[in-house]
Amino acid sequence: CSGILQIASFHPQYEFAEDAKYPDELQHAARKYTNRTPYPTLHIIREDDVEDARYEYGNTSEIWKRNELLMDQIGEQAMKQ
């Protein structure tokens, strides 16, 4: 049985599990901002919409990598503003 909704969490101080494993490497990485927002936020996503995106955009499993690379290009200083 598949679900109907997915929940994505965002927070001003969001950290990925890897951040705790490699704190020196990621301490100043802009990529940590991909899940940060000014206020704690829950994004409710309909799984049907996720499927539609997979159909329209193809392999969506690599989106997170593209987002991290974009954040690194923008830079941490710009993300802090």
PDB file of N, CA and C in Angstrom:
ATOM      1  N   CYS A   1       0.842  -1.171   0.000  1.00  0.00           N
ATOM      2  CA  CYS A   1       0.000   0.000   0.000  1.00  0.00           C
ATOM      3  C   CYS A   1       0.892   1.241   0.000  1.00  0.00           C
ATOM      4  N   SER A   2       0.695   2.115  -0.961  1.00  0.00           N
ATOM      5  CA  SER A   2       1.500   3.330  -0.997  1.00  0.00           C
ATOM      6  C   SER A   2       0.761   4.446  -0.281  1.00  0.00           C
ATOM      7  N   GLY A   3       1.528   5.446   0.137  1.00  0.00           N
ATOM      8  CA  GLY A   3       0.936   6.581   0.831  1.00  0.00           C
ATOM      9  C   GLY A   3       0.286   7.549  -0.133  1.00  0.00           C
ATOM     10  N   ILE A   4      -0.349   8.540   0.427  1.00  0.00           N
ATOM     11  CA  ILE A   4      -1.009   9.554  -0.373  1.00  0.00           C
ATOM     12  C   ILE A   4      -0.206  10.853  -0.322  1.00  0.00           C
ATOM     13  N   LEU A   5       0.439  11.099   0.816  1.00  0.00           N
ATOM     14  CA  LEU A   5       1.175  12.336   1.027  1.00  0.00           C
ATOM     15  C   LEU A   5       2.601  12.057   1.483  1.00  0.00           C
ATOM     16  N   GLN A   6       3.480  13.005   1.185  1.00  0.00           N
ATOM     17  CA  GLN A   6       4.835  13.014   1.740  1.00  0.00           C
ATOM     18  C   GLN A   6       4.998  14.335   2.472  1.00  0.00           C
ATOM     19  N   ILE A   7       5.796  14.334   3.521  1.00  0.00           N
ATOM     20  CA  ILE A   7       6.048  15.569   4.255  1.00  0.00           C
ATOM     21  C   ILE A   7       7.536  15.858   4.210  1.00  0.00           C
ATOM     22  N   ALA A   8       7.872  17.059   3.764  1.00  0.00           N
ATOM     23  CA  ALA A   8       9.261  17.517   3.744  1.00  0.00           C
ATOM     24  C   ALA A   8       9.386  18.616   4.797  1.00  0.00           C
ATOM     25  N   SER A   9      10.404  18.501   5.643  1.00  0.00           N
ATOM     26  CA  SER A   9      10.584  19.485   6.701  1.00  0.00           C
ATOM     27  C   SER A   9      11.686  20.475   6.343  1.00  0.00           C
ATOM     28  N   PHE A  10      11.476  21.714   6.758  1.00  0.00           N
ATOM     29  CA  PHE A  10      12.441  22.789   6.549  1.00  0.00           C
ATOM     30  C   PHE A  10      12.535  23.571   7.859  1.00  0.00           C
ATOM     31  N   HIS A  11      13.725  24.092   8.154  1.00  0.00           N
ATOM     32  CA  HIS A  11      13.937  24.775   9.424  1.00  0.00           C
ATOM     33  C   HIS A  11      15.107  25.737   9.273  1.00  0.00           C
ATOM     34  N   PRO A  12      15.107  26.854  10.019  1.00  0.00           N
ATOM     35  CA  PRO A  12      16.209  27.808   9.908  1.00  0.00           C
ATOM     36  C   PRO A  12      17.585  27.213  10.226  1.00  0.00           C
ATOM     37  N   GLN A  13      17.623  26.180  11.062  1.00  0.00           N
ATOM     38  CA  GLN A  13      18.899  25.563  11.431  1.00  0.00           C
ATOM     39  C   GLN A  13      18.980  24.107  10.981  1.00  0.00           C
ATOM     40  N   TYR A  14      18.289  23.795   9.903  1.00  0.00           N
ATOM     41  CA  TYR A  14      18.244  22.415   9.408  1.00  0.00           C
ATOM     42  C   TYR A  14      19.651  21.905   9.128  1.00  0.00           C
ATOM     43  N   GLU A  15      19.907  20.679   9.532  1.00  0.00           N
ATOM     44  CA  GLU A  15      21.172  20.005   9.232  1.00  0.00           C
ATOM     45  C   GLU A  15      20.859  18.587   8.800  1.00  0.00           C
ATOM     46  N   PHE A  16      21.588  18.128   7.803  1.00  0.00           N
ATOM     47  CA  PHE A  16      21.464  16.749   7.355  1.00  0.00           C
ATOM     48  C   PHE A  16      22.260  15.842   8.287  1.00  0.00           C
ATOM     49  N   ALA A  17      21.929  14.570   8.310  1.00  0.00           N
ATOM     50  CA  ALA A  17      22.635  13.620   9.163  1.00  0.00           C
ATOM     51  C   ALA A  17      24.133  13.617   8.869  1.00  0.00           C
ATOM     52  N   GLU A  18      24.508  13.807   7.603  1.00  0.00           N
ATOM     53  CA  GLU A  18      25.925  13.804   7.229  1.00  0.00           C
ATOM     54  C   GLU A  18      26.681  14.960   7.873  1.00  0.00           C
ATOM     55  N   ASP A  19      25.963  16.048   8.182  1.00  0.00           N
ATOM     56  CA  ASP A  19      26.616  17.206   8.789  1.00  0.00           C
ATOM     57  C   ASP A  19      27.256  16.838  10.117  1.00  0.00           C
ATOM     58  N   ALA A  20      26.600  15.966  10.871  1.00  0.00           N
ATOM     59  CA  ALA A  20      27.146  15.543  12.159  1.00  0.00           C
ATOM     60  C   ALA A  20      28.351  14.629  11.983  1.00  0.00           C
ATOM     61  N   LYS A  21      28.365  13.852  10.897  1.00  0.00           N
ATOM     62  CA  LYS A  21      29.482  12.929  10.645  1.00  0.00           C
ATOM     63  C   LYS A  21      30.735  13.656  10.173  1.00  0.00           C
ATOM     64  N   TYR A  22      30.537  14.733   9.393  1.00  0.00           N
ATOM     65  CA  TYR A  22      31.659  15.447   8.794  1.00  0.00           C
ATOM     66  C   TYR A  22      31.546  16.947   9.078  1.00  0.00           C
ATOM     67  N   PRO A  23      31.554  17.348  10.348  1.00  0.00           N
ATOM     68  CA  PRO A  23      31.285  18.745  10.670  1.00  0.00           C
ATOM     69  C   PRO A  23      32.303  19.726  10.096  1.00  0.00           C
ATOM     70  N   ASP A  24      33.558  19.357  10.024  1.00  0.00           N
ATOM     71  CA  ASP A  24      34.568  20.274   9.506  1.00  0.00           C
ATOM     72  C   ASP A  24      34.387  20.543   8.020  1.00  0.00           C
ATOM     73  N   GLU A  25      34.042  19.506   7.269  1.00  0.00           N
ATOM     74  CA  GLU A  25      33.870  19.650   5.824  1.00  0.00           C
ATOM     75  C   GLU A  25      32.632  20.464   5.474  1.00  0.00           C
ATOM     76  N   LEU A  26      31.577  20.322   6.243  1.00  0.00           N
ATOM     77  CA  LEU A  26      30.308  20.961   5.903  1.00  0.00           C
ATOM     78  C   LEU A  26      29.995  22.192   6.726  1.00  0.00           C
ATOM     79  N   GLN A  27      30.913  22.556   7.617  1.00  0.00           N
ATOM     80  CA  GLN A  27      30.638  23.656   8.520  1.00  0.00           C
ATOM     81  C   GLN A  27      30.256  24.931   7.772  1.00  0.00           C
ATOM     82  N   HIS A  28      30.939  25.209   6.684  1.00  0.00           N
ATOM     83  CA  HIS A  28      30.659  26.430   5.939  1.00  0.00           C
ATOM     84  C   HIS A  28      30.147  26.139   4.536  1.00  0.00           C
ATOM     85  N   ALA A  29      29.552  24.988   4.340  1.00  0.00           N
ATOM     86  CA  ALA A  29      29.051  24.622   3.015  1.00  0.00           C
ATOM     87  C   ALA A  29      27.699  25.265   2.757  1.00  0.00           C
ATOM     88  N   ALA A  30      27.566  25.908   1.616  1.00  0.00           N
ATOM     89  CA  ALA A  30      26.297  26.535   1.253  1.00  0.00           C
ATOM     90  C   ALA A  30      25.212  25.494   1.036  1.00  0.00           C
ATOM     91  N   ARG A  31      25.592  24.272   0.696  1.00  0.00           N
ATOM     92  CA  ARG A  31      24.599  23.233   0.394  1.00  0.00           C
ATOM     93  C   ARG A  31      23.688  22.922   1.566  1.00  0.00           C
ATOM     94  N   LYS A  32      24.115  23.237   2.784  1.00  0.00           N
ATOM     95  CA  LYS A  32      23.251  22.966   3.936  1.00  0.00           C
ATOM     96  C   LYS A  32      21.994  23.832   3.920  1.00  0.00           C
ATOM     97  N   TYR A  33      21.966  24.856   3.072  1.00  0.00           N
ATOM     98  CA  TYR A  33      20.817  25.750   3.000  1.00  0.00           C
ATOM     99  C   TYR A  33      19.680  25.196   2.142  1.00  0.00           C
ATOM    100  N   THR A  34      19.832  24.063   1.520  1.00  0.00           N
ATOM    101  CA  THR A  34      18.764  23.539   0.664  1.00  0.00           C
ATOM    102  C   THR A  34      17.499  23.207   1.442  1.00  0.00           C
ATOM    103  N   ASN A  35      17.602  22.945   2.727  1.00  0.00           N
ATOM    104  CA  ASN A  35      16.430  22.624   3.537  1.00  0.00           C
ATOM    105  C   ASN A  35      16.206  23.645   4.647  1.00  0.00           C
ATOM    106  N   ARG A  36      16.775  24.827   4.468  1.00  0.00           N
ATOM    107  CA  ARG A  36      16.581  25.872   5.472  1.00  0.00           C
ATOM    108  C   ARG A  36      15.570  26.902   4.983  1.00  0.00           C
ATOM    109  N   THR A  37      14.785  27.413   5.922  1.00  0.00           N
ATOM    110  CA  THR A  37      13.798  28.452   5.645  1.00  0.00           C
ATOM    111  C   THR A  37      13.835  29.436   6.809  1.00  0.00           C
ATOM    112  N   PRO A  38      13.308  30.631   6.614  1.00  0.00           N
ATOM    113  CA  PRO A  38      13.307  31.600   7.716  1.00  0.00           C
ATOM    114  C   PRO A  38      12.500  31.123   8.931  1.00  0.00           C
ATOM    115  N   TYR A  39      11.482  30.321   8.696  1.00  0.00           N
ATOM    116  CA  TYR A  39      10.629  29.818   9.767  1.00  0.00           C
ATOM    117  C   TYR A  39      10.452  28.311   9.596  1.00  0.00           C
ATOM    118  N   PRO A  40      10.263  27.567  10.696  1.00  0.00           N
ATOM    119  CA  PRO A  40       9.987  26.137  10.559  1.00  0.00           C
ATOM    120  C   PRO A  40       8.792  25.911   9.640  1.00  0.00           C
ATOM    121  N   THR A  41       8.949  24.998   8.701  1.00  0.00           N
ATOM    122  CA  THR A  41       7.934  24.785   7.675  1.00  0.00           C
ATOM    123  C   THR A  41       7.788  23.305   7.374  1.00  0.00           C
ATOM    124  N   LEU A  42       6.563  22.867   7.191  1.00  0.00           N
ATOM    125  CA  LEU A  42       6.288  21.527   6.688  1.00  0.00           C
ATOM    126  C   LEU A  42       5.686  21.670   5.299  1.00  0.00           C
ATOM    127  N   HIS A  43       6.262  20.990   4.341  1.00  0.00           N
ATOM    128  CA  HIS A  43       5.767  21.014   2.966  1.00  0.00           C
ATOM    129  C   HIS A  43       5.059  19.690   2.735  1.00  0.00           C
ATOM    130  N   ILE A  44       3.776  19.747   2.518  1.00  0.00           N
ATOM    131  CA  ILE A  44       2.980  18.544   2.274  1.00  0.00           C
ATOM    132  C   ILE A  44       2.884  18.348   0.765  1.00  0.00           C
ATOM    133  N   ILE A  45       3.355  17.206   0.313  1.00  0.00           N
ATOM    134  CA  ILE A  45       3.434  16.914  -1.116  1.00  0.00           C
ATOM    135  C   ILE A  45       2.535  15.723  -1.436  1.00  0.00           C
ATOM    136  N   ARG A  46       1.681  15.898  -2.401  1.00  0.00           N
ATOM    137  CA  ARG A  46       0.862  14.767  -2.846  1.00  0.00           C
ATOM    138  C   ARG A  46       1.736  13.818  -3.661  1.00  0.00           C
ATOM    139  N   GLU A  47       1.682  12.544  -3.349  1.00  0.00           N
ATOM    140  CA  GLU A  47       2.501  11.567  -4.072  1.00  0.00           C
ATOM    141  C   GLU A  47       2.137  11.510  -5.549  1.00  0.00           C
ATOM    142  N   ASP A  48       0.883  11.784  -5.887  1.00  0.00           N
ATOM    143  CA  ASP A  48       0.497  11.844  -7.299  1.00  0.00           C
ATOM    144  C   ASP A  48       1.267  12.953  -8.015  1.00  0.00           C
ATOM    145  N   ASP A  49       1.509  14.079  -7.320  1.00  0.00           N
ATOM    146  CA  ASP A  49       2.281  15.174  -7.917  1.00  0.00           C
ATOM    147  C   ASP A  49       3.741  14.775  -8.116  1.00  0.00           C
ATOM    148  N   VAL A  50       4.277  13.984  -7.187  1.00  0.00           N
ATOM    149  CA  VAL A  50       5.647  13.478  -7.334  1.00  0.00           C
ATOM    150  C   VAL A  50       5.733  12.580  -8.569  1.00  0.00           C
ATOM    151  N   GLU A  51       4.750  11.728  -8.733  1.00  0.00           N
ATOM    152  CA  GLU A  51       4.717  10.855  -9.913  1.00  0.00           C
ATOM    153  C   GLU A  51       4.600  11.661 -11.200  1.00  0.00           C
ATOM    154  N   ASP A  52       3.768  12.703 -11.180  1.00  0.00           N
ATOM    155  CA  ASP A  52       3.637  13.576 -12.353  1.00  0.00           C
ATOM    156  C   ASP A  52       4.973  14.226 -12.695  1.00  0.00           C
ATOM    157  N   ALA A  53       5.702  14.660 -11.670  1.00  0.00           N
ATOM    158  CA  ALA A  53       7.017  15.278 -11.897  1.00  0.00           C
ATOM    159  C   ALA A  53       7.994  14.273 -12.491  1.00  0.00           C
ATOM    160  N   ARG A  54       7.955  13.043 -12.010  1.00  0.00           N
ATOM    161  CA  ARG A  54       8.835  12.005 -12.569  1.00  0.00           C
ATOM    162  C   ARG A  54       8.527  11.765 -14.035  1.00  0.00           C
ATOM    163  N   TYR A  55       7.254  11.787 -14.359  1.00  0.00           N
ATOM    164  CA  TYR A  55       6.846  11.581 -15.748  1.00  0.00           C
ATOM    165  C   TYR A  55       7.301  12.756 -16.620  1.00  0.00           C
ATOM    166  N   GLU A  56       7.113  13.973 -16.100  1.00  0.00           N
ATOM    167  CA  GLU A  56       7.429  15.165 -16.894  1.00  0.00           C
ATOM    168  C   GLU A  56       8.929  15.436 -16.983  1.00  0.00           C
ATOM    169  N   TYR A  57       9.664  15.223 -15.882  1.00  0.00           N
ATOM    170  CA  TYR A  57      11.079  15.611 -15.836  1.00  0.00           C
ATOM    171  C   TYR A  57      12.045  14.437 -15.900  1.00  0.00           C
ATOM    172  N   GLY A  58      11.536  13.229 -15.910  1.00  0.00           N
ATOM    173  CA  GLY A  58      12.430  12.077 -15.964  1.00  0.00           C
ATOM    174  C   GLY A  58      12.964  11.723 -14.589  1.00  0.00           C
ATOM    175  N   ASN A  59      14.243  11.419 -14.513  1.00  0.00           N
ATOM    176  CA  ASN A  59      14.864  10.970 -13.266  1.00  0.00           C
ATOM    177  C   ASN A  59      14.938  12.121 -12.263  1.00  0.00           C
ATOM    178  N   THR A  60      14.043  12.114 -11.289  1.00  0.00           N
ATOM    179  CA  THR A  60      14.032  13.169 -10.278  1.00  0.00           C
ATOM    180  C   THR A  60      14.913  12.835  -9.078  1.00  0.00           C
ATOM    181  N   SER A  61      15.495  11.644  -9.059  1.00  0.00           N
ATOM    182  CA  SER A  61      16.295  11.240  -7.903  1.00  0.00           C
ATOM    183  C   SER A  61      17.614  12.004  -7.791  1.00  0.00           C
ATOM    184  N   GLU A  62      17.982  12.744  -8.827  1.00  0.00           N
ATOM    185  CA  GLU A  62      19.234  13.502  -8.807  1.00  0.00           C
ATOM    186  C   GLU A  62      19.014  14.989  -8.516  1.00  0.00           C
ATOM    187  N   ILE A  63      17.777  15.399  -8.289  1.00  0.00           N
ATOM    188  CA  ILE A  63      17.488  16.817  -8.070  1.00  0.00           C
ATOM    189  C   ILE A  63      18.268  17.367  -6.881  1.00  0.00           C
ATOM    190  N   TRP A  64      18.367  16.607  -5.818  1.00  0.00           N
ATOM    191  CA  TRP A  64      19.061  17.091  -4.624  1.00  0.00           C
ATOM    192  C   TRP A  64      20.514  17.433  -4.926  1.00  0.00           C
ATOM    193  N   LYS A  65      21.160  16.650  -5.796  1.00  0.00           N
ATOM    194  CA  LYS A  65      22.558  16.941  -6.146  1.00  0.00           C
ATOM    195  C   LYS A  65      22.653  18.273  -6.892  1.00  0.00           C
ATOM    196  N   ARG A  66      21.731  18.487  -7.836  1.00  0.00           N
ATOM    197  CA  ARG A  66      21.713  19.738  -8.581  1.00  0.00           C
ATOM    198  C   ARG A  66      21.483  20.918  -7.638  1.00  0.00           C
ATOM    199  N   ASN A  67      20.580  20.747  -6.675  1.00  0.00           N
ATOM    200  CA  ASN A  67      20.306  21.811  -5.718  1.00  0.00           C
ATOM    201  C   ASN A  67      21.540  22.136  -4.874  1.00  0.00           C
ATOM    202  N   GLU A  68      22.249  21.111  -4.430  1.00  0.00           N
ATOM    203  CA  GLU A  68      23.457  21.340  -3.630  1.00  0.00           C
ATOM    204  C   GLU A  68      24.533  22.050  -4.446  1.00  0.00           C
ATOM    205  N   LEU A  69      24.709  21.647  -5.689  1.00  0.00           N
ATOM    206  CA  LEU A  69      25.698  22.314  -6.542  1.00  0.00           C
ATOM    207  C   LEU A  69      25.331  23.776  -6.762  1.00  0.00           C
ATOM    208  N   LEU A  70      24.055  24.044  -6.956  1.00  0.00           N
ATOM    209  CA  LEU A  70      23.603  25.417  -7.139  1.00  0.00           C
ATOM    210  C   LEU A  70      23.880  26.246  -5.888  1.00  0.00           C
ATOM    211  N   MET A  71      23.606  25.698  -4.721  1.00  0.00           N
ATOM    212  CA  MET A  71      23.873  26.414  -3.473  1.00  0.00           C
ATOM    213  C   MET A  71      25.364  26.706  -3.327  1.00  0.00           C
ATOM    214  N   ASP A  72      26.207  25.740  -3.687  1.00  0.00           N
ATOM    215  CA  ASP A  72      27.655  25.954  -3.623  1.00  0.00           C
ATOM    216  C   ASP A  72      28.091  27.058  -4.580  1.00  0.00           C
ATOM    217  N   GLN A  73      27.461  27.134  -5.761  1.00  0.00           N
ATOM    218  CA  GLN A  73      27.788  28.191  -6.724  1.00  0.00           C
ATOM    219  C   GLN A  73      27.357  29.559  -6.191  1.00  0.00           C
ATOM    220  N   ILE A  74      26.199  29.620  -5.570  1.00  0.00           N
ATOM    221  CA  ILE A  74      25.701  30.879  -5.018  1.00  0.00           C
ATOM    222  C   ILE A  74      26.585  31.315  -3.854  1.00  0.00           C
ATOM    223  N   GLY A  75      26.989  30.362  -3.036  1.00  0.00           N
ATOM    224  CA  GLY A  75      27.884  30.631  -1.913  1.00  0.00           C
ATOM    225  C   GLY A  75      27.161  30.900  -0.614  1.00  0.00           C
ATOM    226  N   GLU A  76      27.848  30.552   0.464  1.00  0.00           N
ATOM    227  CA  GLU A  76      27.246  30.666   1.789  1.00  0.00           C
ATOM    228  C   GLU A  76      26.955  32.119   2.171  1.00  0.00           C
ATOM    229  N   GLN A  77      27.829  33.049   1.813  1.00  0.00           N
ATOM    230  CA  GLN A  77      27.604  34.452   2.163  1.00  0.00           C
ATOM    231  C   GLN A  77      26.291  34.952   1.572  1.00  0.00           C
ATOM    232  N   ALA A  78      26.033  34.629   0.321  1.00  0.00           N
ATOM    233  CA  ALA A  78      24.780  35.053  -0.308  1.00  0.00           C
ATOM    234  C   ALA A  78      23.586  34.375   0.344  1.00  0.00           C
ATOM    235  N   MET A  79      23.732  33.137   0.746  1.00  0.00           N
ATOM    236  CA  MET A  79      22.616  32.419   1.376  1.00  0.00           C
ATOM    237  C   MET A  79      22.286  32.996   2.749  1.00  0.00           C
ATOM    238  N   LYS A  80      23.261  33.544   3.444  1.00  0.00           N
ATOM    239  CA  LYS A  80      23.028  34.110   4.773  1.00  0.00           C
ATOM    240  C   LYS A  80      22.227  35.403   4.728  1.00  0.00           C
ATOM    241  N   GLN A  81      22.204  36.050   3.566  1.00  0.00           N
ATOM    242  CA  GLN A  81      21.517  37.354   3.464  1.00  0.00           C
ATOM    243  C   GLN A  81      20.022  37.202   3.473  1.00  0.00           C
TER     244      GLN A  81
END
